[in-house]
Protein backbone atom coordinates (compact mmCIF):
# COMPACT_ATOMS: atom_id res chain seq x y z
CA UNK A 1 -29.28 22.76 17.74
CA UNK A 2 -30.05 19.29 17.84
CA UNK A 3 -31.46 19.75 14.21
CA UNK A 4 -27.81 21.56 13.55
CA UNK A 5 -25.95 18.57 15.06
CA UNK A 6 -28.33 15.91 12.80
CA UNK A 7 -27.27 18.44 9.60
CA UNK A 8 -23.80 17.70 10.32
CA UNK A 9 -23.72 14.84 10.86
CA UNK A 10 -25.67 13.98 7.43
CA UNK A 11 -23.11 16.01 5.52
CA UNK A 12 -20.52 14.42 4.01
CA UNK A 13 -16.93 15.33 4.97
CA UNK A 14 -13.91 14.90 2.36
CA UNK A 15 -10.39 14.44 1.43
CA UNK A 16 -7.95 15.76 -0.55
CA UNK A 17 -5.43 13.59 -1.88
CA UNK A 18 -2.99 15.29 -4.33
CA UNK A 19 -0.80 12.92 -6.67
CA UNK A 20 1.68 13.71 -9.46
CA UNK A 21 1.12 11.73 -12.41
CA UNK A 22 3.96 11.28 -14.84
CA UNK A 23 3.10 11.72 -19.28
CA UNK A 24 4.82 8.53 -21.13
CA UNK A 25 7.39 9.51 -23.60
CA UNK A 26 7.15 6.62 -25.56
CA UNK A 27 3.92 3.20 -25.85
CA UNK A 28 4.69 1.36 -22.56
CA UNK A 29 3.60 -2.09 -22.85
CA UNK A 30 2.98 -3.20 -19.03
CA UNK A 31 3.37 -7.23 -18.59
CA UNK A 32 0.89 -10.17 -19.09
CA UNK A 33 0.25 -12.09 -16.30
CA UNK A 34 1.73 -14.93 -15.26
CA UNK A 35 0.76 -18.55 -15.14
CA UNK A 36 0.63 -20.79 -11.99
CA UNK A 37 3.68 -22.78 -11.10
CA UNK A 38 4.27 -24.53 -14.63
CA UNK A 39 6.55 -27.34 -12.87
CA UNK A 40 8.53 -28.09 -10.28
CA UNK A 41 12.85 -28.40 -10.39
CA UNK A 42 13.42 -30.52 -7.41
CA UNK A 43 12.55 -28.44 -4.42
CA UNK A 44 12.24 -25.46 -6.07
CA UNK A 45 8.74 -23.89 -8.07
CA UNK A 46 9.52 -22.15 -11.12
CA UNK A 47 6.88 -19.55 -13.00
CA UNK A 48 5.71 -20.82 -16.40
CA UNK A 49 5.15 -18.28 -19.28
CA UNK A 50 3.68 -15.36 -19.42
CA UNK A 51 -0.12 -15.42 -20.65
CA UNK A 52 -2.23 -12.92 -21.97
CA UNK A 53 -1.23 -9.87 -23.51
CA UNK A 54 -0.77 -6.90 -21.23
CA UNK A 55 -2.35 -3.23 -20.98
CA UNK A 56 -0.87 -0.55 -23.53
CA UNK A 57 -0.30 2.49 -22.65
CA UNK A 58 -0.28 5.14 -25.63
CA UNK A 59 2.23 7.81 -25.87
CA UNK A 60 2.04 11.22 -24.30
CA UNK A 61 -0.58 9.64 -21.75
CA UNK A 62 -1.20 10.47 -18.45
CA UNK A 63 -0.37 7.98 -15.82
CA UNK A 64 0.95 7.56 -12.02
CA UNK A 65 3.59 5.72 -10.55
CA UNK A 66 2.80 2.54 -9.35
CA UNK A 67 2.43 3.64 -5.85
CA UNK A 68 0.11 6.16 -6.24
CA UNK A 69 -2.20 4.08 -7.80
CA UNK A 70 -2.25 1.76 -5.30
CA UNK A 71 -2.58 4.74 -2.54
CA UNK A 72 -5.60 5.76 -4.96
CA UNK A 73 -7.51 2.90 -5.07
CA UNK A 74 -6.89 2.44 -1.09
CA UNK A 75 -7.78 5.37 0.08
CA UNK A 76 -11.11 5.72 -2.85
CA UNK A 77 -12.04 1.92 -0.99
CA UNK A 78 -11.08 2.73 2.78
CA UNK A 79 -13.13 6.22 2.97
CA UNK A 80 -16.61 6.09 2.21
CA UNK A 81 -16.29 3.07 5.07
CA UNK A 82 -15.88 6.57 6.84
CA UNK A 83 -18.10 8.89 5.56
CA UNK A 84 -15.58 10.88 3.63
CA UNK A 85 -15.63 11.74 -0.27
CA UNK A 86 -12.87 11.52 -2.55
CA UNK A 87 -10.80 14.24 -4.21
CA UNK A 88 -8.17 12.77 -6.33
CA UNK A 89 -6.14 16.13 -7.16
CA UNK A 90 -3.28 15.15 -10.46
CA UNK A 91 -1.02 17.84 -9.32
CA UNK A 92 1.00 17.63 -13.53
CA UNK A 93 -2.49 18.41 -14.54
CA UNK A 94 -3.40 21.01 -12.60
CA UNK A 95 -1.91 24.04 -11.23
CA UNK A 96 0.41 23.77 -8.46
CA UNK A 97 -0.66 24.04 -5.12
CA UNK A 98 1.44 26.08 -3.10
CA UNK A 99 0.21 24.48 0.19
CA UNK A 100 1.48 20.55 -0.69
CA UNK A 101 5.30 19.72 -0.44
CA UNK A 102 5.52 16.63 -0.62
CA UNK A 103 3.76 13.42 -3.19
CA UNK A 104 1.91 12.19 -2.09
CA UNK A 105 -0.76 14.56 0.92
CA UNK A 106 -4.01 13.90 2.00
CA UNK A 107 -5.28 16.76 3.23
CA UNK A 108 -8.29 16.01 5.11
CA UNK A 109 -11.27 19.33 4.86
CA UNK A 110 -10.75 20.06 8.53
CA UNK A 111 -6.90 20.14 7.78
CA UNK A 112 -5.36 17.49 9.05
CA UNK A 113 -2.79 16.43 6.86
CA UNK A 114 -1.04 12.81 5.74
CA UNK A 115 2.49 12.78 4.11
CA UNK A 116 4.49 10.60 2.21
CA UNK A 117 4.56 6.85 1.96
CA UNK A 118 1.06 6.18 3.51
CA UNK A 119 0.31 2.76 4.39
CA UNK A 120 -3.10 1.68 5.35
CA UNK A 121 -2.81 1.60 9.56
CA UNK A 122 -1.90 5.74 8.69
CA UNK A 123 -4.38 6.01 6.64
CA UNK A 124 -7.19 3.49 8.82
CA UNK A 125 -5.93 5.61 12.21
CA UNK A 126 -6.10 9.48 10.02
CA UNK A 127 -9.51 8.28 8.94
CA UNK A 128 -10.80 7.03 12.48
CA UNK A 129 -9.49 10.51 14.28
CA UNK A 130 -10.69 12.64 11.06
């Protein structure tokens, strides 16, 4: 019995994050970073001119909306701390899953789920309880 418990504890659990990318119809250039405060105007600060080039995303490329990209990064950062492997499924490129109706959806291998806009606190709580 003890060996079974140890083997189960060593097995890495998995969570699956279902997201949906969008296909670019034209070339997108993301803005470059801006300089630090370039000067002052009375008591107010104003930004300087953009520095550096932004990233270019070619036509027909699949990209995630900003909120989903941030969620993917957050899940990939937090899940290993709780001994979870992360699987990201892009519903645009894969067959639609009838189990997912709200994007994004996070489902553990035990069947628990977290749907919609997911905050860092919700994610931490989900990983602790799963």
